[in-house]
Protein backbone atom coordinates (compact mmCIF):
# COMPACT_ATOMS: atom_id res chain seq x y z
CA UNK A 1 126.67 -54.70 192.97
CA UNK A 2 127.41 -55.29 196.51
CA UNK A 3 129.39 -52.98 198.62
CA UNK A 4 131.08 -53.58 201.84
CA UNK A 5 128.77 -52.75 204.31
CA UNK A 6 131.31 -52.75 207.44
CA UNK A 7 135.01 -52.85 208.07
CA UNK A 8 135.31 -56.68 208.14
CA UNK A 9 133.82 -56.74 204.66
CA UNK A 10 135.93 -54.02 203.53
CA UNK A 11 139.09 -55.87 204.48
CA UNK A 12 137.61 -58.94 202.80
CA UNK A 13 136.98 -56.96 199.56
CA UNK A 14 140.41 -55.22 199.79
CA UNK A 15 142.07 -58.76 200.30
CA UNK A 16 140.18 -60.21 197.38
CA UNK A 17 139.77 -57.19 195.07
CA UNK A 18 136.54 -55.09 195.43
CA UNK A 19 135.24 -56.31 191.72
CA UNK A 20 135.81 -60.05 192.46
CA UNK A 21 134.45 -59.59 195.85
CA UNK A 22 131.26 -57.60 195.02
CA UNK A 23 130.69 -60.16 192.04
CA UNK A 24 130.74 -63.32 194.52
CA UNK A 25 128.92 -62.23 197.84
CA UNK A 26 125.41 -61.92 196.07
CA UNK A 27 125.75 -65.47 194.74
CA UNK A 28 123.42 -68.17 196.10
CA UNK A 29 125.54 -70.65 197.79
CA UNK A 30 124.65 -74.42 198.90
CA UNK A 31 126.63 -75.75 201.63
CA UNK A 32 126.03 -79.56 202.33
CA UNK A 33 127.11 -80.60 205.36
CA UNK A 34 127.36 -78.89 208.92
CA UNK A 35 130.26 -81.11 210.68
CA UNK A 36 133.89 -80.26 211.23
CA UNK A 37 134.70 -78.69 207.65
CA UNK A 38 131.09 -77.20 207.32
CA UNK A 39 131.35 -75.17 210.81
CA UNK A 40 134.49 -73.73 209.55
CA UNK A 41 133.51 -73.16 206.14
CA UNK A 42 130.06 -71.50 207.13
CA UNK A 43 132.04 -69.23 209.52
CA UNK A 44 134.33 -68.15 206.87
CA UNK A 45 131.41 -67.63 204.47
CA UNK A 46 129.47 -65.09 206.84
CA UNK A 47 132.49 -63.48 207.77
CA UNK A 48 133.89 -62.76 204.21
CA UNK A 49 130.48 -61.27 203.31
CA UNK A 50 128.58 -63.89 201.38
CA UNK A 51 124.81 -62.89 201.75
CA UNK A 52 122.73 -65.90 200.74
CA UNK A 53 123.67 -69.14 202.03
CA UNK A 54 121.51 -72.56 202.35
CA UNK A 55 123.03 -75.36 204.49
CA UNK A 56 121.57 -78.75 204.61
CA UNK A 57 122.61 -81.57 207.08
CA UNK A 58 120.61 -84.46 208.52
CA UNK A 59 122.75 -85.15 211.54
CA UNK A 60 122.15 -84.00 215.15
CA UNK A 61 125.25 -82.70 217.33
CA UNK A 62 126.75 -85.24 219.61
CA UNK A 63 129.09 -84.63 222.76
CA UNK A 64 131.95 -85.85 220.54
CA UNK A 65 131.59 -82.98 218.13
CA UNK A 66 132.09 -80.30 220.56
CA UNK A 67 136.10 -80.57 220.83
CA UNK A 68 136.21 -79.36 216.85
CA UNK A 69 132.68 -78.11 215.51
CA UNK A 70 133.20 -74.61 217.42
CA UNK A 71 129.48 -73.64 216.48
CA UNK A 72 128.38 -76.01 218.83
CA UNK A 73 128.07 -75.87 222.66
CA UNK A 74 127.10 -78.40 225.23
CA UNK A 75 123.67 -77.11 225.30
CA UNK A 76 123.39 -77.98 221.82
CA UNK A 77 123.67 -81.81 221.99
CA UNK A 78 120.77 -83.45 220.28
CA UNK A 79 119.86 -80.40 218.08
CA UNK A 80 119.98 -80.15 214.58
CA UNK A 81 123.59 -79.21 213.38
CA UNK A 82 122.06 -77.40 210.40
CA UNK A 83 119.94 -75.10 212.53
CA UNK A 84 122.35 -74.39 215.33
CA UNK A 85 125.01 -73.72 212.83
CA UNK A 86 122.80 -70.97 211.38
CA UNK A 87 122.10 -69.68 214.70
CA UNK A 88 125.68 -69.38 215.74
CA UNK A 89 126.85 -68.23 212.51
CA UNK A 90 124.40 -65.18 212.39
CA UNK A 91 126.12 -63.82 215.61
CA UNK A 92 129.32 -63.41 213.28
CA UNK A 93 127.20 -61.58 210.86
CA UNK A 94 123.56 -60.78 211.47
CA UNK A 95 123.26 -59.32 207.94
CA UNK A 96 123.43 -62.50 206.21
CA UNK A 97 120.58 -64.83 204.74
CA UNK A 98 120.96 -68.36 205.66
CA UNK A 99 118.43 -71.02 205.28
CA UNK A 100 118.98 -74.02 207.16
CA UNK A 101 117.60 -77.38 206.17
CA UNK A 102 117.39 -80.24 208.70
CA UNK A 103 117.20 -82.97 205.48
CA UNK A 104 118.73 -85.54 204.03
CA UNK A 105 120.20 -84.53 200.67
CA UNK A 106 118.81 -87.46 198.95
CA UNK A 107 115.27 -86.50 199.47
CA UNK A 108 113.49 -86.20 195.98
CA UNK A 109 112.54 -82.40 196.42
CA UNK A 110 116.18 -81.64 196.30
CA UNK A 111 115.64 -82.13 192.41
CA UNK A 112 117.92 -80.94 189.35
CA UNK A 113 115.63 -77.66 189.42
CA UNK A 114 116.44 -77.20 193.12
CA UNK A 115 120.21 -77.57 192.48
CA UNK A 116 120.02 -75.22 189.48
CA UNK A 117 118.92 -72.42 191.78
CA UNK A 118 122.13 -72.08 193.29
CA UNK A 119 125.33 -70.36 191.81
CA UNK A 120 127.81 -72.78 193.50
CA UNK A 121 127.74 -75.99 195.54
CA UNK A 122 130.37 -76.60 198.31
CA UNK A 123 130.31 -80.19 199.87
CA UNK A 124 131.43 -80.55 203.41
CA UNK A 125 130.72 -84.20 203.67
CA UNK A 126 132.04 -87.09 205.32
CA UNK A 127 130.68 -89.95 203.22
CA UNK A 128 130.92 -91.33 199.56
CA UNK A 129 127.22 -92.12 198.79
CA UNK A 130 126.25 -88.39 199.54
CA UNK A 131 129.29 -87.16 197.64
CA UNK A 132 128.67 -89.10 194.84
CA UNK A 133 124.90 -87.84 194.75
CA UNK A 134 125.90 -84.34 195.01
CA UNK A 135 128.48 -84.85 192.34
CA UNK A 136 125.69 -86.15 189.99
CA UNK A 137 123.34 -83.48 190.64
CA UNK A 138 125.73 -80.70 190.14
CA UNK A 139 126.41 -82.21 186.83
CA UNK A 140 122.86 -82.61 186.01
CA UNK A 141 122.02 -78.85 186.91
CA UNK A 142 125.43 -77.71 185.42
CA UNK A 143 126.67 -76.12 188.59
CA UNK A 144 130.23 -76.07 189.71
CA UNK A 145 131.10 -77.90 192.80
CA UNK A 146 133.70 -77.70 195.56
CA UNK A 147 134.66 -80.55 197.19
CA UNK A 148 136.66 -81.13 200.31
CA UNK A 149 137.95 -83.71 202.71
CA UNK A 150 140.46 -83.73 205.62
CA UNK A 151 142.37 -86.62 207.37
CA UNK A 152 144.18 -85.87 210.33
CA UNK A 153 147.02 -83.29 209.17
CA UNK A 154 146.19 -83.99 205.55
CA UNK A 155 143.20 -82.29 203.49
CA UNK A 156 142.59 -81.37 199.95
CA UNK A 157 140.13 -79.08 198.14
CA UNK A 158 138.97 -80.12 194.72
CA UNK A 159 137.22 -78.03 192.05
CA UNK A 160 134.79 -79.73 189.88
CA UNK A 161 133.92 -77.61 186.61
CA UNK A 162 131.91 -78.48 183.66
CA UNK A 163 135.20 -79.17 181.84
CA UNK A 164 137.20 -80.54 184.60
CA UNK A 165 137.22 -83.99 186.44
CA UNK A 166 134.33 -84.59 188.49
CA UNK A 167 134.07 -86.74 191.94
CA UNK A 168 133.58 -89.83 190.31
CA UNK A 169 136.36 -89.81 187.73
CA UNK A 170 138.81 -91.27 189.99
CA UNK A 171 137.77 -94.70 191.45
CA UNK A 172 137.47 -94.79 195.31
CA UNK A 173 138.52 -97.25 197.61
CA UNK A 174 136.13 -100.27 198.47
CA UNK A 175 135.76 -100.93 202.16
CA UNK A 176 138.35 -103.47 203.47
CA UNK A 177 136.93 -107.07 204.04
CA UNK A 178 138.29 -109.90 205.93
CA UNK A 179 137.92 -113.49 205.36
CA UNK A 180 135.61 -115.26 207.76
CA UNK A 181 138.42 -118.05 208.32
CA UNK A 182 140.64 -115.28 209.75
CA UNK A 183 138.27 -113.36 211.67
CA UNK A 184 136.40 -116.68 213.16
CA UNK A 185 139.43 -118.84 213.98
CA UNK A 186 142.81 -117.32 213.37
CA UNK A 187 142.95 -113.54 214.19
CA UNK A 188 146.31 -111.91 214.20
CA UNK A 189 145.79 -108.34 214.49
CA UNK A 190 143.65 -106.02 216.72
CA UNK A 191 141.45 -105.11 213.96
CA UNK A 192 140.47 -108.61 213.14
CA UNK A 193 139.23 -109.05 216.93
CA UNK A 194 137.35 -105.52 216.55
CA UNK A 195 135.69 -106.70 213.36
CA UNK A 196 134.52 -109.85 214.93
CA UNK A 197 133.28 -108.07 218.11
CA UNK A 198 131.31 -105.27 216.18
CA UNK A 199 130.24 -106.79 213.14
CA UNK A 200 129.67 -110.68 214.18
CA UNK A 201 129.06 -110.81 217.93
CA UNK A 202 127.58 -107.53 218.61
CA UNK A 203 124.95 -108.13 215.55
CA UNK A 204 124.22 -111.60 216.49
CA UNK A 205 123.38 -110.54 220.06
CA UNK A 206 121.75 -107.35 219.67
CA UNK A 207 121.18 -106.58 216.13
CA UNK A 208 120.90 -108.20 212.70
CA UNK A 209 123.75 -109.95 211.16
CA UNK A 210 124.17 -108.18 208.01
CA UNK A 211 127.53 -106.83 208.01
CA UNK A 212 128.81 -108.63 204.65
CA UNK A 213 131.40 -106.04 204.05
CA UNK A 214 133.23 -106.73 207.17
CA UNK A 215 133.35 -110.66 207.16
CA UNK A 216 133.63 -111.77 203.54
CA UNK A 217 133.49 -115.13 202.13
CA UNK A 218 136.45 -115.79 199.83
CA UNK A 219 137.08 -118.44 197.40
CA UNK A 220 139.57 -120.29 199.11
CA UNK A 221 137.46 -121.12 202.03
CA UNK A 222 135.85 -124.45 202.22
CA UNK A 223 132.28 -125.35 202.79
CA UNK A 224 133.23 -126.52 206.31
CA UNK A 225 134.51 -123.15 207.61
CA UNK A 226 130.99 -121.68 206.32
CA UNK A 227 129.10 -124.46 208.02
CA UNK A 228 130.82 -124.16 211.44
CA UNK A 229 130.14 -120.29 211.42
CA UNK A 230 126.53 -121.09 210.98
CA UNK A 231 126.38 -123.66 213.75
CA UNK A 232 128.12 -121.19 216.03
CA UNK A 233 125.73 -118.52 214.81
CA UNK A 234 122.70 -120.97 215.51
CA UNK A 235 124.15 -121.66 219.03
CA UNK A 236 124.48 -117.69 219.68
CA UNK A 237 120.80 -117.32 218.80
CA UNK A 238 119.77 -120.01 221.10
CA UNK A 239 121.62 -118.22 223.85
CA UNK A 240 119.95 -114.92 222.60
CA UNK A 241 116.39 -116.41 223.56
CA UNK A 242 117.77 -116.25 227.15
CA UNK A 243 118.30 -112.61 227.01
CA UNK A 244 116.02 -111.78 229.76
CA UNK A 245 118.01 -114.36 232.21
CA UNK A 246 120.16 -113.22 234.85
CA UNK A 247 123.15 -115.43 233.84
CA UNK A 248 122.86 -114.36 230.11
CA UNK A 249 126.08 -112.64 230.08
CA UNK A 250 127.92 -115.90 231.69
CA UNK A 251 126.12 -117.95 228.75
CA UNK A 252 127.53 -116.04 226.10
CA UNK A 253 130.92 -115.76 227.88
CA UNK A 254 131.34 -119.32 228.44
CA UNK A 255 130.41 -120.16 224.81
CA UNK A 256 132.68 -117.86 222.90
CA UNK A 257 135.54 -117.59 225.63
CA UNK A 258 135.49 -121.01 226.99
CA UNK A 259 133.83 -123.76 224.59
CA UNK A 260 134.41 -122.52 221.29
CA UNK A 261 138.36 -121.86 222.06
CA UNK A 262 138.54 -125.36 223.64
CA UNK A 263 137.47 -126.57 220.46
CA UNK A 264 139.85 -124.70 218.33
CA UNK A 265 142.45 -126.09 220.34
CA UNK A 266 141.68 -129.70 219.40
CA UNK A 267 142.48 -128.87 215.71
CA UNK A 268 146.18 -129.50 216.32
CA UNK A 269 147.28 -129.05 212.65
CA UNK A 270 146.03 -125.45 212.82
CA UNK A 271 148.41 -124.30 215.56
CA UNK A 272 151.70 -126.38 214.45
CA UNK A 273 153.55 -122.94 213.40
CA UNK A 274 151.81 -120.62 215.96
CA UNK A 275 150.78 -120.34 219.53
CA UNK A 276 147.24 -121.88 220.07
CA UNK A 277 144.56 -119.78 221.98
CA UNK A 278 143.84 -120.16 225.65
CA UNK A 279 140.38 -120.40 226.85
CA UNK A 280 139.23 -118.22 229.76
CA UNK A 281 137.26 -119.31 232.61
CA UNK A 282 134.31 -117.52 233.80
CA UNK A 283 134.30 -118.56 237.68
CA UNK A 284 137.98 -117.73 238.05
CA UNK A 285 137.50 -114.31 236.59
CA UNK A 286 134.50 -113.65 238.53
CA UNK A 287 136.73 -114.42 241.57
CA UNK A 288 139.27 -111.96 240.81
CA UNK A 289 136.83 -109.34 239.73
CA UNK A 290 135.25 -109.21 243.23
CA UNK A 291 135.92 -105.73 244.85
CA UNK A 292 137.22 -104.56 241.53
CA UNK A 293 135.31 -101.24 240.54
CA UNK A 294 134.67 -100.05 236.91
CA UNK A 295 137.34 -98.20 235.18
CA UNK A 296 137.27 -94.50 236.01
CA UNK A 297 135.48 -92.28 233.77
CA UNK A 298 137.21 -89.60 231.74
CA UNK A 299 140.57 -89.53 230.13
CA UNK A 300 142.18 -92.60 232.15
CA UNK A 301 139.00 -94.54 231.13
CA UNK A 302 139.57 -93.85 227.39
CA UNK A 303 143.25 -93.77 227.03
CA UNK A 304 144.37 -96.73 229.60
CA UNK A 305 144.67 -100.31 228.32
CA UNK A 306 142.59 -102.24 230.69
CA UNK A 307 143.91 -105.47 232.36
CA UNK A 308 142.32 -108.75 231.61
CA UNK A 309 140.20 -108.47 235.00
CA UNK A 310 138.95 -105.05 234.01
CA UNK A 311 138.06 -106.10 230.66
CA UNK A 312 136.00 -108.90 232.17
CA UNK A 313 134.28 -106.67 234.60
CA UNK A 314 133.31 -104.27 231.78
CA UNK A 315 132.04 -107.06 229.62
CA UNK A 316 129.81 -108.37 232.23
CA UNK A 317 128.36 -104.68 232.85
CA UNK A 318 127.81 -103.78 229.50
CA UNK A 319 126.23 -107.12 228.26
CA UNK A 320 123.68 -106.90 231.12
CA UNK A 321 122.99 -103.36 230.26
CA UNK A 322 122.45 -103.88 226.57
CA UNK A 323 120.32 -106.99 227.15
CA UNK A 324 118.23 -104.84 229.43
CA UNK A 325 117.78 -102.35 226.55
CA UNK A 326 117.05 -104.68 224.29
CA UNK A 327 114.23 -106.44 226.47
CA UNK A 328 112.53 -103.06 227.29
CA UNK A 329 112.70 -101.96 223.57
CA UNK A 330 111.17 -105.10 222.16
CA UNK A 331 108.24 -105.02 224.80
CA UNK A 332 107.13 -102.07 222.55
CA UNK A 333 108.35 -103.00 219.16
CA UNK A 334 109.01 -107.02 218.51
CA UNK A 335 111.23 -106.14 215.63
CA UNK A 336 113.44 -103.72 217.39
CA UNK A 337 117.34 -104.24 216.88
CA UNK A 338 120.34 -102.32 217.87
CA UNK A 339 123.40 -101.57 215.29
CA UNK A 340 126.89 -100.66 216.66
CA UNK A 341 127.37 -97.06 217.22
CA UNK A 342 130.75 -95.82 218.37
CA UNK A 343 129.11 -93.15 220.23
CA UNK A 344 126.87 -95.23 222.00
CA UNK A 345 128.92 -95.65 225.55
CA UNK A 346 127.42 -99.17 226.32
CA UNK A 347 127.96 -100.61 223.12
CA UNK A 348 131.53 -99.36 222.85
CA UNK A 349 132.28 -100.55 226.29
CA UNK A 350 130.93 -104.14 225.02
CA UNK A 351 133.00 -104.02 221.96
CA UNK A 352 136.18 -102.68 223.76
CA UNK A 353 135.89 -105.57 226.11
CA UNK A 354 135.03 -108.48 224.10
CA UNK A 355 137.90 -107.03 221.78
CA UNK A 356 140.48 -107.29 224.50
CA UNK A 357 139.15 -110.54 225.82
CA UNK A 358 139.69 -112.21 222.45
CA UNK A 359 143.05 -110.65 221.83
CA UNK A 360 144.25 -112.03 225.06
CA UNK A 361 143.15 -115.46 224.05
CA UNK A 362 145.12 -115.21 220.96
CA UNK A 363 147.98 -113.32 222.17
CA UNK A 364 147.37 -110.12 220.40
CA UNK A 365 148.15 -106.63 221.69
CA UNK A 366 145.26 -105.41 223.85
CA UNK A 367 143.92 -101.82 222.78
CA UNK A 368 142.41 -98.93 224.74
CA UNK A 369 138.90 -97.84 224.58
CA UNK A 370 139.91 -94.72 222.64
CA UNK A 371 141.89 -96.76 219.89
CA UNK A 372 138.97 -99.47 219.67
CA UNK A 373 136.60 -96.53 219.14
CA UNK A 374 138.99 -95.15 216.42
CA UNK A 375 139.20 -98.54 214.61
CA UNK A 376 135.82 -99.64 214.92
CA UNK A 377 134.60 -96.28 213.61
CA UNK A 378 136.97 -96.26 210.95
CA UNK A 379 138.05 -93.00 212.19
CA UNK A 380 140.86 -90.82 210.98
CA UNK A 381 141.16 -88.32 213.77
CA UNK A 382 139.67 -84.83 212.80
CA UNK A 383 141.84 -81.99 213.73
CA UNK A 384 140.29 -78.55 213.92
CA UNK A 385 143.16 -76.73 212.52
CA UNK A 386 143.17 -78.88 209.30
CA UNK A 387 139.37 -78.34 208.90
CA UNK A 388 139.80 -74.39 209.34
CA UNK A 389 142.58 -74.56 206.71
CA UNK A 390 140.78 -76.52 204.23
CA UNK A 391 137.50 -74.42 204.88
CA UNK A 392 139.47 -71.27 204.15
CA UNK A 393 140.91 -72.55 200.75
CA UNK A 394 137.47 -73.83 199.95
CA UNK A 395 136.22 -69.81 200.12
CA UNK A 396 139.30 -68.75 198.07
CA UNK A 397 138.60 -71.26 195.37
CA UNK A 398 134.85 -69.88 195.67
CA UNK A 399 135.67 -66.47 194.77
CA UNK A 400 137.60 -67.41 191.74
CA UNK A 401 134.39 -69.56 190.38
CA UNK A 402 132.20 -66.82 191.01
CA UNK A 403 134.28 -64.18 189.15
CA UNK A 404 134.38 -66.66 186.28
CA UNK A 405 138.31 -67.02 186.73
CA UNK A 406 137.97 -70.69 185.84
CA UNK A 407 141.73 -70.82 184.80
CA UNK A 408 142.89 -69.95 187.96
CA UNK A 409 141.01 -72.57 189.96
CA UNK A 410 143.32 -75.23 191.49
CA UNK A 411 142.88 -78.41 193.23
CA UNK A 412 144.34 -77.53 196.53
CA UNK A 413 146.37 -80.16 199.11
CA UNK A 414 147.58 -79.90 202.53
CA UNK A 415 150.38 -82.25 202.94
CA UNK A 416 153.47 -83.03 204.17
CA UNK A 417 156.36 -85.06 202.94
CA UNK A 418 156.07 -87.23 199.69
CA UNK A 419 156.30 -85.96 196.00
CA UNK A 420 154.73 -82.58 196.98
CA UNK A 421 157.56 -80.22 198.33
CA UNK A 422 155.28 -77.63 199.88
CA UNK A 423 152.70 -77.76 202.70
CA UNK A 424 149.98 -76.08 200.48
CA UNK A 425 149.87 -77.18 196.98
CA UNK A 426 148.10 -76.38 194.07
CA UNK A 427 147.45 -78.29 190.83
CA UNK A 428 145.36 -77.71 187.73
CA UNK A 429 142.17 -79.75 187.90
CA UNK A 430 142.54 -82.86 185.62
CA UNK A 431 140.09 -83.21 182.36
CA UNK A 432 137.16 -85.58 182.64
CA UNK A 433 137.67 -89.33 182.30
CA UNK A 434 136.48 -90.97 179.24
CA UNK A 435 135.49 -93.83 181.33
CA UNK A 436 133.59 -91.93 184.10
CA UNK A 437 129.96 -92.63 183.89
CA UNK A 438 128.90 -89.53 185.64
CA UNK A 439 130.90 -87.35 183.47
CA UNK A 440 130.09 -88.92 180.21
CA UNK A 441 126.26 -89.39 180.99
CA UNK A 442 123.29 -87.68 179.30
CA UNK A 443 121.14 -85.59 181.66
CA UNK A 444 117.48 -84.87 181.08
CA UNK A 445 114.36 -83.46 182.84
CA UNK A 446 111.52 -85.61 181.68
CA UNK A 447 108.03 -83.73 182.35
CA UNK A 448 105.08 -86.33 182.27
CA UNK A 449 101.83 -87.18 184.29
CA UNK A 450 103.06 -90.09 186.35
CA UNK A 451 99.46 -91.52 186.73
CA UNK A 452 99.25 -92.16 182.84
CA UNK A 453 102.73 -92.29 181.32
CA UNK A 454 103.77 -95.90 180.98
CA UNK A 455 107.03 -97.55 180.74
CA UNK A 456 106.21 -98.44 177.42
CA UNK A 457 105.79 -94.79 176.32
CA UNK A 458 109.00 -94.19 177.73
CA UNK A 459 110.60 -96.70 175.66
CA UNK A 460 108.48 -96.02 172.38
CA UNK A 461 108.53 -92.20 172.59
CA UNK A 462 111.50 -91.06 174.53
CA UNK A 463 114.01 -93.49 173.80
CA UNK A 464 113.38 -95.02 170.32
CA UNK A 465 112.49 -92.09 168.56
CA UNK A 466 108.89 -92.66 167.66
CA UNK A 467 108.07 -89.17 168.82
CA UNK A 468 110.79 -86.72 167.30
CA UNK A 469 111.13 -84.66 170.67
CA UNK A 470 112.84 -87.88 171.67
CA UNK A 471 116.09 -89.71 171.30
CA UNK A 472 116.94 -92.45 168.83
CA UNK A 473 119.61 -94.43 170.62
CA UNK A 474 121.42 -97.47 169.21
CA UNK A 475 121.86 -100.77 171.10
CA UNK A 476 120.02 -102.92 173.65
CA UNK A 477 118.44 -100.78 176.28
CA UNK A 478 118.38 -101.73 180.15
CA UNK A 479 116.26 -99.37 182.46
CA UNK A 480 116.82 -99.05 186.17
CA UNK A 481 115.46 -97.00 188.96
CA UNK A 482 116.35 -96.65 192.69
CA UNK A 483 118.69 -100.03 192.33
CA UNK A 484 116.05 -102.14 190.40
CA UNK A 485 116.11 -103.23 186.93
CA UNK A 486 112.50 -102.38 185.59
CA UNK A 487 113.23 -103.17 181.87
CA UNK A 488 115.58 -104.99 179.53
CA UNK A 489 115.17 -106.83 176.34
CA UNK A 490 114.37 -109.94 178.19
CA UNK A 491 112.21 -108.48 180.87
CA UNK A 492 109.48 -106.30 179.49
CA UNK A 493 106.46 -107.33 181.66
CA UNK A 494 106.16 -103.49 183.04
CA UNK A 495 105.59 -101.99 180.07
CA UNK A 496 101.79 -101.37 180.52
CA UNK A 497 102.59 -100.13 183.92
CA UNK A 498 102.58 -96.36 184.78
CA UNK A 499 105.25 -94.70 186.41
CA UNK A 500 103.24 -94.22 189.43
CA UNK A 501 102.51 -97.82 189.49
CA UNK A 502 106.05 -98.49 189.05
CA UNK A 503 106.86 -96.24 192.20
CA UNK A 504 108.52 -93.47 189.93
CA UNK A 505 107.29 -90.15 191.43
CA UNK A 506 108.04 -86.89 191.07
CA UNK A 507 111.92 -86.16 191.75
CA UNK A 508 112.50 -89.72 190.70
CA UNK A 509 115.57 -90.56 188.65
CA UNK A 510 115.48 -93.06 186.01
CA UNK A 511 118.76 -94.53 184.70
CA UNK A 512 119.09 -95.81 181.09
CA UNK A 513 121.80 -97.97 179.89
CA UNK A 514 122.56 -98.47 176.28
CA UNK A 515 124.72 -101.11 175.56
CA UNK A 516 126.09 -100.98 171.52
CA UNK A 517 128.32 -103.88 170.82
CA UNK A 518 128.83 -102.81 167.18
CA UNK A 519 130.29 -99.50 168.32
CA UNK A 520 131.44 -99.13 171.84
CA UNK A 521 131.89 -95.30 171.55
CA UNK A 522 128.28 -95.13 171.23
CA UNK A 523 127.31 -97.12 174.41
CA UNK A 524 126.24 -94.63 176.90
CA UNK A 525 124.08 -94.00 180.02
CA UNK A 526 121.15 -91.27 180.42
CA UNK A 527 119.66 -90.03 183.40
CA UNK A 528 116.16 -88.74 183.41
CA UNK A 529 114.76 -86.75 186.29
CA UNK A 530 110.98 -87.06 186.60
CA UNK A 531 109.08 -84.06 186.84
CA UNK A 532 105.15 -84.48 187.41
CA UNK A 533 102.68 -82.38 185.86
CA UNK A 534 99.12 -83.11 186.19
CA UNK A 535 97.25 -83.76 183.01
CA UNK A 536 100.09 -83.87 180.67
CA UNK A 537 99.03 -85.84 177.70
CA UNK A 538 102.58 -86.87 176.33
CA UNK A 539 105.88 -85.78 177.51
CA UNK A 540 108.42 -82.75 177.36
CA UNK A 541 111.89 -83.16 177.74
CA UNK A 542 115.06 -80.72 178.39
CA UNK A 543 118.57 -81.22 178.80
CA UNK A 544 122.02 -79.64 178.62
CA UNK A 545 124.22 -82.61 177.86
CA UNK A 546 124.58 -83.89 174.08
CA UNK A 547 123.73 -87.25 173.21
CA UNK A 548 125.21 -88.96 170.15
CA UNK A 549 123.03 -88.17 166.83
CA UNK A 550 119.91 -89.75 166.11
CA UNK A 551 120.28 -93.21 164.21
CA UNK A 552 118.50 -96.35 163.39
CA UNK A 553 117.60 -98.15 166.43
CA UNK A 554 119.23 -101.60 167.22
CA UNK A 555 117.44 -103.32 169.84
CA UNK A 556 114.46 -105.53 170.35
CA UNK A 557 111.01 -104.42 169.32
CA UNK A 558 109.91 -102.29 172.01
CA UNK A 559 106.89 -103.40 174.25
CA UNK A 560 103.38 -102.86 173.01
CA UNK A 561 100.83 -101.74 175.56
CA UNK A 562 98.32 -104.25 174.39
CA UNK A 563 100.79 -106.91 174.41
CA UNK A 564 102.25 -106.18 177.76
CA UNK A 565 98.89 -105.91 179.22
CA UNK A 566 97.99 -109.37 177.97
CA UNK A 567 101.35 -110.89 179.45
CA UNK A 568 100.71 -109.31 182.78
CA UNK A 569 97.21 -110.53 182.82
CA UNK A 570 98.07 -114.05 181.82
CA UNK A 571 101.16 -113.99 184.39
CA UNK A 572 103.59 -116.72 184.37
CA UNK A 573 103.40 -118.26 188.24
CA UNK A 574 107.08 -118.93 187.82
CA UNK A 575 108.02 -115.55 187.33
CA UNK A 576 106.29 -113.98 190.28
CA UNK A 577 109.31 -113.36 192.28
CA UNK A 578 110.98 -111.84 189.39
CA UNK A 579 108.25 -109.31 188.53
CA UNK A 580 107.92 -108.07 192.09
CA UNK A 581 109.49 -104.52 192.54
CA UNK A 582 111.67 -103.65 195.35
CA UNK A 583 111.58 -100.28 196.68
CA UNK A 584 114.10 -99.52 199.35
CA UNK A 585 113.90 -95.93 200.56
CA UNK A 586 116.81 -96.21 203.36
CA UNK A 587 119.32 -93.74 203.18
CA UNK A 588 122.29 -94.60 205.47
CA UNK A 589 124.04 -91.32 206.88
CA UNK A 590 127.63 -91.87 207.94
CA UNK A 591 129.09 -90.59 211.10
CA UNK A 592 130.57 -87.02 211.11
CA UNK A 593 134.11 -88.46 212.21
CA UNK A 594 134.55 -90.94 208.79
CA UNK A 595 136.66 -88.63 206.79
CA UNK A 596 137.54 -90.30 203.22
CA UNK A 597 139.87 -88.65 200.68
């Protein structure tokens, strides 16, 4: 049992209770995220005396982090958040063992066994995909999870135990979309102009036009609207071919702020109930721009709302800088493209200027650079004091969990106003949702030799019960891996392929969906985490979650390897595209400032 080694630890032990403190501080903790909350949390943990901490974060330190992530300083910019957080935290308590990992939590090596090596997992994340992944891995490993989030002056700490609600039990809000016609032709708010600048124009000129979430095609939009959008995109693509030209900025400006607007004003019916847009003229603004300097750097540059001429000036300079960057990069890599980053000064200048020029045309209120950055990055301002309070509340819950006082654990909210009457409110964690695909799923580790174990073996032996060690599930089976469907009753062509040929390696996850039309309560999802073992002749399987009792199988006849090999060899040419396997290893890591409650 640990004993306080110094006065600081003695004070913490006295406050918590010596027995509870001693039980907790020797536990192995996993901290996911080293941003705003993460820095405060790591500091609190080491000062409370926790002795064994692993911290993982893929991100590097940016200048914009320094105002609230106090473990980082200016000399740390561009360095690993995890490594610098460890280095700084050890100054508070050099007796702590901290392992820092500059990695993505999605990597296959961070498997169920790895998660099971910890006594408690604490999330200090800023994006939903990573949170959902950690939540699932904690459920699979039967490990408690403490979630956190802040939004301005609001914050919350959620405790996810074996018999409580998990992160996925409550549906999360989907990203807001905007109809194409509103964004393209009739913007009415600043966010419409920002989305158009960031997700449409910037991508068409400097990146890839892939932002389907921002500009969604809705059912009430007619074909002409979409055709107009395609035509305008093609015109911009032609202009992009002149990116190396000295008048590239003028070509872009004249198209989007003059010709396109003039074309819209001829559609008189569109403007019967509102003021029509007013085109801008490049030559007139160029004349006004003479002698004008770039808006000053610092606070004034960010907080001031620029004039029309200042926006034109910033547009002209930023589009030129971005074009030169593109040309230079594409000389080394022909496929190079940019994506909007709110911390890229040139990109933010471009989006701010384009947003305000477009807003001016439509009579919409223009915005400061700071405000555009906030809205374009979907940022809810992070406040250091809120992060500090939430981190402290997480540590208090950690002591309760590690002392096995589960009935005392609370979901805690930092609030003001509304139905909750206190600044900090605690509520009992809700029970798991019966509709939650994560809580109600089965979790197994499947040990096989991926070079010899086939998909047909998996279906026949593991799922349909031909081997007594397997399951016997009722219903139609669909098998997915990494977002791709690899088997269902109508698509059994992959049966003879080994896991390795299907690109299912050690650490991979297979999701089996079982649909039982006769008894909906027996429909279920089962997760299999693959563990590769050389030379294994069959399979071994272990799991902690209960699966419905063995019963007669009601599904299509499982694929026989010989039949599958025959069909694969014969190969219907028309099914060629269907049989292709898509493997997507890209992991998108959201920015540190994007906080979602």
